[in-house]
C-alpha atoms as a PDB file:
ATOM      1  CA  UNK A   1      80.876 -27.464  -2.498  1.00  0.00           C
ATOM      2  CA  UNK A   2      79.286 -24.627  -2.232  1.00  0.00           C
ATOM      3  CA  UNK A   3      77.669 -22.766  -5.623  1.00  0.00           C
ATOM      4  CA  UNK A   4      78.397 -19.198  -5.783  1.00  0.00           C
ATOM      5  CA  UNK A   5      76.037 -17.834  -8.096  1.00  0.00           C
ATOM      6  CA  UNK A   6      76.486 -14.003  -8.352  1.00  0.00           C
ATOM      7  CA  UNK A   7      79.173 -11.436  -8.884  1.00  0.00           C
ATOM      8  CA  UNK A   8      78.047 -10.088  -5.801  1.00  0.00           C
ATOM      9  CA  UNK A   9      78.310 -13.168  -3.672  1.00  0.00           C
ATOM     10  CA  UNK A  10      81.771 -14.091  -5.447  1.00  0.00           C
ATOM     11  CA  UNK A  11      83.278 -10.767  -4.011  1.00  0.00           C
ATOM     12  CA  UNK A  12      81.572 -11.115  -0.489  1.00  0.00           C
ATOM     13  CA  UNK A  13      82.438 -14.782  -0.243  1.00  0.00           C
ATOM     14  CA  UNK A  14      86.665 -14.427  -1.004  1.00  0.00           C
ATOM     15  CA  UNK A  15      86.479 -11.181   1.053  1.00  0.00           C
ATOM     16  CA  UNK A  16      85.605 -13.216   4.082  1.00  0.00           C
ATOM     17  CA  UNK A  17      87.592 -16.163   3.109  1.00  0.00           C
ATOM     18  CA  UNK A  18      90.202 -16.122   0.505  1.00  0.00           C
ATOM     19  CA  UNK A  19      89.902 -19.835  -0.073  1.00  0.00           C
ATOM     20  CA  UNK A  20      86.607 -19.290  -1.023  1.00  0.00           C
ATOM     21  CA  UNK A  21      88.180 -18.624  -3.942  1.00  0.00           C
ATOM     22  CA  UNK A  22      88.292 -22.340  -4.805  1.00  0.00           C
ATOM     23  CA  UNK A  23      84.665 -22.539  -5.552  1.00  0.00           C
ATOM     24  CA  UNK A  24      84.344 -19.198  -7.437  1.00  0.00           C
ATOM     25  CA  UNK A  25      82.974 -20.590 -11.343  1.00  0.00           C
ATOM     26  CA  UNK A  26      85.688 -19.144 -13.759  1.00  0.00           C
ATOM     27  CA  UNK A  27      83.961 -16.872 -15.533  1.00  0.00           C
ATOM     28  CA  UNK A  28      83.393 -14.842 -12.030  1.00  0.00           C
ATOM     29  CA  UNK A  29      86.644 -14.941 -11.194  1.00  0.00           C
ATOM     30  CA  UNK A  30      87.157 -10.943 -11.944  1.00  0.00           C
ATOM     31  CA  UNK A  31      90.622  -9.064 -10.960  1.00  0.00           C
ATOM     32  CA  UNK A  32      88.453  -7.906  -8.220  1.00  0.00           C
ATOM     33  CA  UNK A  33      87.856 -10.703  -6.594  1.00  0.00           C
ATOM     34  CA  UNK A  34      91.088 -12.481  -7.424  1.00  0.00           C
ATOM     35  CA  UNK A  35      92.624  -9.476  -5.701  1.00  0.00           C
ATOM     36  CA  UNK A  36      89.869  -9.454  -2.830  1.00  0.00           C
ATOM     37  CA  UNK A  37      90.505 -13.339  -2.230  1.00  0.00           C
ATOM     38  CA  UNK A  38      94.699 -13.007  -2.594  1.00  0.00           C
ATOM     39  CA  UNK A  39      94.480  -9.759   0.153  1.00  0.00           C
ATOM     40  CA  UNK A  40      92.448 -12.256   2.604  1.00  0.00           C
ATOM     41  CA  UNK A  41      94.521 -15.416   2.257  1.00  0.00           C
ATOM     42  CA  UNK A  42      97.692 -15.200   0.000  1.00  0.00           C
ATOM     43  CA  UNK A  43      97.795 -18.787  -0.612  1.00  0.00           C
ATOM     44  CA  UNK A  44      94.546 -18.157  -2.515  1.00  0.00           C
ATOM     45  CA  UNK A  45      96.726 -17.548  -5.389  1.00  0.00           C
ATOM     46  CA  UNK A  46      96.618 -21.211  -6.491  1.00  0.00           C
ATOM     47  CA  UNK A  47      93.034 -20.265  -7.801  1.00  0.00           C
ATOM     48  CA  UNK A  48      93.576 -17.714  -9.689  1.00  0.00           C
ATOM     49  CA  UNK A  49      93.387 -18.523 -13.159  1.00  0.00           C
ATOM     50  CA  UNK A  50      97.173 -17.985 -15.041  1.00  0.00           C
ATOM     51  CA  UNK A  51      95.601 -15.126 -17.677  1.00  0.00           C
ATOM     52  CA  UNK A  52      94.841 -13.084 -13.972  1.00  0.00           C
ATOM     53  CA  UNK A  53      97.946 -13.729 -12.677  1.00  0.00           C
ATOM     54  CA  UNK A  54      99.178 -10.161 -12.685  1.00  0.00           C
ATOM     55  CA  UNK A  55     102.054  -8.711 -11.264  1.00  0.00           C
ATOM     56  CA  UNK A  56     100.033  -6.859  -8.410  1.00  0.00           C
ATOM     57  CA  UNK A  57      97.721  -9.946  -7.488  1.00  0.00           C
ATOM     58  CA  UNK A  58     101.170 -11.666  -7.216  1.00  0.00           C
ATOM     59  CA  UNK A  59     102.641  -9.097  -4.996  1.00  0.00           C
ATOM     60  CA  UNK A  60      99.699  -8.652  -2.976  1.00  0.00           C
ATOM     61  CA  UNK A  61      99.676 -12.439  -2.608  1.00  0.00           C
ATOM     62  CA  UNK A  62     103.074 -12.756  -1.167  1.00  0.00           C
ATOM     63  CA  UNK A  63     102.576 -10.042   1.143  1.00  0.00           C
ATOM     64  CA  UNK A  64      99.787 -11.551   2.347  1.00  0.00           C
ATOM     65  CA  UNK A  65     101.519 -14.849   2.947  1.00  0.00           C
ATOM     66  CA  UNK A  66     105.021 -15.995   1.486  1.00  0.00           C
ATOM     67  CA  UNK A  67     103.963 -18.969   0.936  1.00  0.00           C
ATOM     68  CA  UNK A  68     102.154 -17.630  -2.024  1.00  0.00           C
ATOM     69  CA  UNK A  69     105.443 -17.430  -3.776  1.00  0.00           C
ATOM     70  CA  UNK A  70     105.071 -21.288  -4.728  1.00  0.00           C
ATOM     71  CA  UNK A  71     101.619 -20.196  -6.787  1.00  0.00           C
ATOM     72  CA  UNK A  72     103.403 -17.293  -8.455  1.00  0.00           C
ATOM     73  CA  UNK A  73     104.107 -18.343 -12.272  1.00  0.00           C
ATOM     74  CA  UNK A  74     108.311 -18.368 -12.838  1.00  0.00           C
ATOM     75  CA  UNK A  75     107.907 -15.091 -15.551  1.00  0.00           C
ATOM     76  CA  UNK A  76     106.286 -13.036 -12.186  1.00  0.00           C
ATOM     77  CA  UNK A  77     108.810 -13.720  -9.848  1.00  0.00           C
ATOM     78  CA  UNK A  78     110.825 -10.629  -9.645  1.00  0.00           C
ATOM     79  CA  UNK A  79     113.503  -9.640  -7.091  1.00  0.00           C
ATOM     80  CA  UNK A  80     110.904  -7.058  -5.350  1.00  0.00           C
ATOM     81  CA  UNK A  81     108.139 -10.619  -5.346  1.00  0.00           C
ATOM     82  CA  UNK A  82     110.886 -12.976  -3.700  1.00  0.00           C
ATOM     83  CA  UNK A  83     112.366 -10.545  -1.491  1.00  0.00           C
ATOM     84  CA  UNK A  84     108.651  -9.740   0.098  1.00  0.00           C
ATOM     85  CA  UNK A  85     108.057 -13.341   0.039  1.00  0.00           C
ATOM     86  CA  UNK A  86     110.968 -14.087   1.980  1.00  0.00           C
ATOM     87  CA  UNK A  87     110.615 -11.465   4.166  1.00  0.00           C
ATOM     88  CA  UNK A  88     107.544 -12.680   5.384  1.00  0.00           C
ATOM     89  CA  UNK A  89     108.336 -16.780   4.950  1.00  0.00           C
ATOM     90  CA  UNK A  90     112.147 -17.326   5.187  1.00  0.00           C
ATOM     91  CA  UNK A  91     111.438 -20.531   3.786  1.00  0.00           C
ATOM     92  CA  UNK A  92     109.763 -19.608   0.652  1.00  0.00           C
ATOM     93  CA  UNK A  93     113.444 -18.819  -0.173  1.00  0.00           C
ATOM     94  CA  UNK A  94     112.293 -22.750  -1.648  1.00  0.00           C
ATOM     95  CA  UNK A  95     110.353 -21.798  -4.041  1.00  0.00           C
ATOM     96  CA  UNK A  96     112.909 -18.266  -4.972  1.00  0.00           C
ATOM     97  CA  UNK A  97     114.733 -19.441  -8.600  1.00  0.00           C
ATOM     98  CA  UNK A  98     118.311 -20.118  -7.673  1.00  0.00           C
ATOM     99  CA  UNK A  99     120.067 -17.385  -9.957  1.00  0.00           C
ATOM    100  CA  UNK A 100     118.006 -15.065  -8.181  1.00  0.00           C
ATOM    101  CA  UNK A 101     118.962 -15.952  -4.463  1.00  0.00           C
ATOM    102  CA  UNK A 102     121.089 -12.769  -3.879  1.00  0.00           C
ATOM    103  CA  UNK A 103     123.387 -12.968  -0.404  1.00  0.00           C
ATOM    104  CA  UNK A 104     120.940 -10.032   0.786  1.00  0.00           C
ATOM    105  CA  UNK A 105     118.058 -12.087  -0.111  1.00  0.00           C
ATOM    106  CA  UNK A 106     119.347 -14.859   1.313  1.00  0.00           C
ATOM    107  CA  UNK A 107     119.858 -13.116   4.956  1.00  0.00           C
ATOM    108  CA  UNK A 108     116.489 -11.956   5.021  1.00  0.00           C
ATOM    109  CA  UNK A 109     115.383 -15.347   4.222  1.00  0.00           C
ATOM    110  CA  UNK A 110     117.547 -16.940   6.991  1.00  0.00           C
ATOM    111  CA  UNK A 111     117.051 -14.289   9.790  1.00  0.00           C
ATOM    112  CA  UNK A 112     113.157 -14.615   9.455  1.00  0.00           C
ATOM    113  CA  UNK A 113     113.573 -18.361   9.757  1.00  0.00           C
ATOM    114  CA  UNK A 114     116.815 -20.078  10.274  1.00  0.00           C
ATOM    115  CA  UNK A 115     115.965 -23.191   8.459  1.00  0.00           C
ATOM    116  CA  UNK A 116     115.461 -21.482   5.392  1.00  0.00           C
ATOM    117  CA  UNK A 117     120.007 -21.818   5.774  1.00  0.00           C
ATOM    118  CA  UNK A 118     118.872 -25.329   3.766  1.00  0.00           C
ATOM    119  CA  UNK A 119     118.074 -22.984   0.600  1.00  0.00           C
ATOM    120  CA  UNK A 120     120.927 -20.747   0.654  1.00  0.00           C
ATOM    121  CA  UNK A 121     123.637 -21.519  -2.416  1.00  0.00           C
ATOM    122  CA  UNK A 122     127.153 -22.084  -1.642  1.00  0.00           C
ATOM    123  CA  UNK A 123     128.461 -19.724  -3.074  1.00  0.00           C
ATOM    124  CA  UNK A 124     126.507 -17.273  -0.267  1.00  0.00           C
ATOM    125  CA  UNK A 125     126.488 -19.457   2.947  1.00  0.00           C
ATOM    126  CA  UNK A 126     129.953 -18.266   4.175  1.00  0.00           C
ATOM    127  CA  UNK A 127     128.749 -14.967   4.130  1.00  0.00           C
ATOM    128  CA  UNK A 128     125.482 -15.197   5.573  1.00  0.00           C
ATOM    129  CA  UNK A 129     127.007 -17.101   8.177  1.00  0.00           C
ATOM    130  CA  UNK A 130     129.515 -14.442   8.354  1.00  0.00           C
ATOM    131  CA  UNK A 131     127.150 -11.697   8.584  1.00  0.00           C
ATOM    132  CA  UNK A 132     124.636 -13.582  11.367  1.00  0.00           C
ATOM    133  CA  UNK A 133     127.500 -14.060  13.331  1.00  0.00           C
ATOM    134  CA  UNK A 134     128.368 -10.234  13.160  1.00  0.00           C
ATOM    135  CA  UNK A 135     124.603  -9.521  14.515  1.00  0.00           C
ATOM    136  CA  UNK A 136     124.971 -11.905  17.038  1.00  0.00           C
ATOM    137  CA  UNK A 137     128.103 -10.983  18.173  1.00  0.00           C
ATOM    138  CA  UNK A 138     127.467  -7.047  18.068  1.00  0.00           C
ATOM    139  CA  UNK A 139     123.994  -6.996  19.171  1.00  0.00           C
ATOM    140  CA  UNK A 140     123.043  -5.439  15.997  1.00  0.00           C
ATOM    141  CA  UNK A 141     119.549  -5.653  15.219  1.00  0.00           C
ATOM    142  CA  UNK A 142     117.768  -6.769  11.603  1.00  0.00           C
ATOM    143  CA  UNK A 143     116.552  -4.337   9.691  1.00  0.00           C
ATOM    144  CA  UNK A 144     112.662  -2.453   9.955  1.00  0.00           C
ATOM    145  CA  UNK A 145     110.456  -5.124   7.920  1.00  0.00           C
ATOM    146  CA  UNK A 146     113.072  -8.129   8.778  1.00  0.00           C
ATOM    147  CA  UNK A 147     111.818  -9.209  11.649  1.00  0.00           C
ATOM    148  CA  UNK A 148     109.783 -12.717  12.075  1.00  0.00           C
ATOM    149  CA  UNK A 149     106.345 -12.757  10.671  1.00  0.00           C
ATOM    150  CA  UNK A 150     103.325 -14.588  12.418  1.00  0.00           C
ATOM    151  CA  UNK A 151     103.124 -18.430  12.250  1.00  0.00           C
ATOM    152  CA  UNK A 152     101.018 -20.330   9.447  1.00  0.00           C
ATOM    153  CA  UNK A 153      97.264 -19.840   8.920  1.00  0.00           C
ATOM    154  CA  UNK A 154      95.563 -22.468  10.804  1.00  0.00           C
END
């Protein structure tokens, strides 16, 4: 484990590799350092102290990588944060609270990754399948921003 000794070194480290946040001493995990870390690597959110997990930091984390949704506290899992996550990674639907899984959100998730269908609540499955079948039959393109994101970070 690396020892980071100054706030400046912490900021430089997380800008280069967001996972370096795990090596930053708690007292140096400022809002600026945490935000820089999740902008570089969304799942670094797991190393952001609970009190530092703000709506802004959580949104930035899922914008960078939908996998970060699993580290967002339940109280901060808003529809905006959740839809942002599933647009980037359809399988993040698993980490969306079930009552928040709207038909639209489920459709976005399944368009992004077909495997997300397993996390679509039963009440939406027929509508999602129907929408996908209609799109396939008409050759309709998904709306902007719903294209498949790059694969997971190595």
